[in-house]
Amino acid sequence: MAGGRIKPRRTGKNRGSRFEVVKTVRYGPAASWILAVARRAVLPPSGGEEGRIRIILVSDEEIGRLNARFLKRERPTDVLAFPLEDGMDDIFGEVYISMDRAGEQASLYRVGLKEELARLVIHGILHLHGYSDRTKAGQRDMRNREEAFLDVCRAAGLLG
């Protein structure tokens, strides 16, 4: 979405996978860890579409600009997900995550940064696959799915 303005500091790609990580902030976990979480949260795209999911770690400032520009909300948020049209460099969608929000929410919810970041990666991927949290029932459904994928990540030793 904002690809022209974002200057990646470090990227990670999983060969043969559908994920790419772009870090625009100097802190946070390694791209390889994010790839490992994303692989455990991937769902088959609806309609049989194929493509990569780009996960982009940004600051509050950058996600606030994106939120204002695309959703007309004048504030930062924790995660934004943008499904992309076919033919966009084989990208199925982009998930933007605020590392600032992830850190604050980890403290607020009394969980580790990795667990909160994993939740946000999973949450964004669920949105790309059509899940919505605009209703109470949708919020419950997404939370249950997030917890199931987090359990998979815990079993794989990614959150400890």
Protein backbone atom coordinates (compact mmCIF):
# COMPACT_ATOMS: atom_id res chain seq x y z
CA MET A 1 0.00 0.00 0.00
CA ALA A 2 2.60 2.51 1.04
CA GLY A 3 5.44 0.59 -0.56
CA GLY A 4 6.99 3.66 -2.15
CA ARG A 5 7.38 5.47 1.17
CA ILE A 6 8.60 2.62 3.34
CA LYS A 7 12.32 2.03 3.42
CA PRO A 8 13.02 -1.52 4.66
CA ARG A 9 15.90 -1.99 7.09
CA ARG A 10 15.90 -5.78 7.01
CA THR A 11 13.86 -8.32 5.13
CA GLY A 12 13.39 -12.02 5.41
CA LYS A 13 11.98 -14.45 2.90
CA ASN A 14 11.17 -18.07 3.37
CA ARG A 15 12.19 -19.95 0.23
CA GLY A 16 9.23 -21.62 -1.38
CA SER A 17 6.92 -19.96 1.11
CA ARG A 18 4.31 -17.34 0.79
CA PHE A 19 5.70 -14.89 3.30
CA GLU A 20 7.95 -11.89 3.26
CA VAL A 21 8.87 -9.76 6.28
CA VAL A 22 9.87 -6.13 5.97
CA LYS A 23 11.17 -4.32 9.04
CA THR A 24 11.02 -0.53 8.93
CA VAL A 25 11.89 -0.21 12.61
CA ARG A 26 15.24 -0.96 14.19
CA TYR A 27 13.89 -3.17 16.98
CA GLY A 28 11.74 -6.24 17.34
CA PRO A 29 12.27 -9.93 16.73
CA ALA A 30 14.18 -11.35 13.81
CA ALA A 31 12.39 -11.78 10.50
CA SER A 32 12.99 -15.55 10.72
CA TRP A 33 10.91 -15.73 13.92
CA ILE A 34 8.03 -13.82 12.30
CA LEU A 35 8.18 -16.16 9.30
CA ALA A 36 7.95 -19.17 11.62
CA VAL A 37 4.82 -17.73 13.29
CA ALA A 38 3.23 -16.77 9.97
CA ARG A 39 3.75 -20.26 8.53
CA ARG A 40 1.77 -21.68 11.44
CA ALA A 41 -1.07 -19.19 10.94
CA VAL A 42 -1.54 -19.50 7.20
CA LEU A 43 -4.92 -20.52 5.91
CA PRO A 44 -5.75 -21.56 2.36
CA PRO A 45 -6.87 -18.41 0.56
CA SER A 46 -10.53 -18.25 -0.28
CA GLY A 47 -11.35 -18.97 -3.89
CA GLY A 48 -8.09 -20.84 -4.41
CA GLU A 49 -6.07 -17.64 -4.92
CA GLU A 50 -2.33 -17.96 -4.54
CA GLY A 51 0.19 -15.36 -3.54
CA ARG A 52 2.54 -14.16 -0.87
CA ILE A 53 1.64 -12.35 2.31
CA ARG A 54 3.92 -9.43 3.14
CA ILE A 55 4.26 -8.67 6.86
CA ILE A 56 5.55 -5.15 7.48
CA LEU A 57 6.68 -3.95 10.90
CA VAL A 58 6.27 -0.22 11.31
CA SER A 59 6.17 2.55 13.91
CA ASP A 60 3.05 4.16 15.36
CA GLU A 61 3.72 7.15 13.14
CA GLU A 62 3.66 5.10 9.94
CA ILE A 63 0.63 2.96 10.86
CA GLY A 64 -1.20 6.13 11.91
CA ARG A 65 -0.61 7.59 8.43
CA LEU A 66 -1.88 4.39 6.81
CA ASN A 67 -4.93 4.26 9.10
CA ALA A 68 -5.81 7.88 8.25
CA ARG A 69 -5.22 7.47 4.53
CA PHE A 70 -7.04 4.20 3.93
CA LEU A 71 -9.55 3.87 6.79
CA LYS A 72 -10.07 7.57 7.61
CA ARG A 73 -9.17 6.97 11.26
CA GLU A 74 -6.87 9.65 12.63
CA ARG A 75 -4.95 7.48 15.08
CA PRO A 76 -2.42 4.68 15.23
CA THR A 77 -3.67 1.13 15.52
CA ASP A 78 -1.99 -2.19 16.23
CA VAL A 79 -2.53 -4.02 12.93
CA LEU A 80 -3.86 -3.25 9.45
CA ALA A 81 -4.47 -5.82 6.75
CA PHE A 82 -4.87 -5.01 3.08
CA PRO A 83 -5.92 -7.70 0.62
CA LEU A 84 -4.45 -6.79 -2.75
CA GLU A 85 -5.77 -7.21 -6.25
CA ASP A 86 -4.53 -10.01 -8.50
CA GLY A 87 -1.37 -9.27 -10.41
CA MET A 88 0.29 -7.16 -7.72
CA ASP A 89 3.71 -8.86 -7.79
CA ASP A 90 2.10 -12.12 -6.66
CA ILE A 91 1.21 -10.49 -3.32
CA PHE A 92 -2.06 -11.79 -1.82
CA GLY A 93 -2.02 -9.11 0.86
CA GLU A 94 -0.06 -6.99 3.28
CA VAL A 95 -0.20 -6.96 7.07
CA TYR A 96 1.17 -3.84 8.77
CA ILE A 97 1.98 -4.16 12.47
CA SER A 98 2.94 -1.33 14.81
CA MET A 99 5.83 -2.44 16.96
CA ASP A 100 5.05 0.48 19.31
CA ARG A 101 1.48 -0.80 19.84
CA ALA A 102 2.70 -4.40 20.18
CA GLY A 103 5.05 -3.39 23.00
CA GLU A 104 2.41 -1.34 24.80
CA GLN A 105 -0.23 -4.06 24.46
CA ALA A 106 2.17 -6.74 25.67
CA SER A 107 2.63 -4.73 28.89
CA LEU A 108 -1.08 -4.00 29.18
CA TYR A 109 -2.13 -7.64 28.68
CA ARG A 110 0.83 -8.94 30.72
CA VAL A 111 2.19 -11.18 27.99
CA GLY A 112 5.58 -11.28 26.34
CA LEU A 113 6.28 -9.13 23.28
CA LYS A 114 6.65 -12.25 21.14
CA GLU A 115 3.21 -13.52 22.14
CA GLU A 116 1.55 -10.18 21.41
CA LEU A 117 3.38 -9.83 18.10
CA ALA A 118 2.39 -13.39 17.17
CA ARG A 119 -1.24 -12.55 17.97
CA LEU A 120 -1.06 -9.49 15.69
CA VAL A 121 0.53 -11.48 12.84
CA ILE A 122 -2.22 -14.09 13.18
CA HIS A 123 -4.93 -11.43 13.48
CA GLY A 124 -3.78 -9.72 10.29
CA ILE A 125 -3.62 -13.00 8.36
CA LEU A 126 -7.16 -13.84 9.51
CA HIS A 127 -8.35 -10.49 8.17
CA LEU A 128 -6.70 -11.21 4.81
CA HIS A 129 -8.69 -14.40 4.64
CA GLY A 130 -11.98 -12.61 5.16
CA TYR A 131 -12.51 -12.86 8.90
CA SER A 132 -13.98 -9.77 10.52
CA ASP A 133 -14.07 -8.51 14.09
CA ARG A 134 -16.73 -5.84 13.57
CA THR A 135 -19.37 -7.77 15.55
CA LYS A 136 -19.23 -9.45 18.94
CA ALA A 137 -19.65 -12.86 17.25
CA GLY A 138 -16.86 -12.03 14.79
CA GLN A 139 -14.60 -10.91 17.64
CA ARG A 140 -15.21 -14.20 19.49
CA ASP A 141 -14.56 -16.22 16.35
CA MET A 142 -11.32 -14.39 15.59
CA ARG A 143 -10.16 -14.62 19.22
CA ASN A 144 -10.81 -18.40 19.22
CA ARG A 145 -8.89 -18.80 15.96
CA GLU A 146 -6.04 -16.63 17.27
CA GLU A 147 -5.82 -18.77 20.41
CA ALA A 148 -5.78 -21.98 18.35
CA PHE A 149 -2.90 -20.68 16.21
CA LEU A 150 -1.08 -19.36 19.29
CA ASP A 151 -1.35 -22.85 20.80
CA VAL A 152 0.35 -24.20 17.68
CA CYS A 153 3.10 -21.59 18.10
CA ARG A 154 3.49 -22.49 21.79
CA ALA A 155 3.75 -26.19 20.94
CA ALA A 156 6.48 -25.32 18.45
CA GLY A 157 8.39 -23.41 21.17
CA LEU A 158 8.02 -20.03 19.45
CA LEU A 159 6.53 -18.09 22.36
CA GLY A 160 8.61 -19.28 25.30
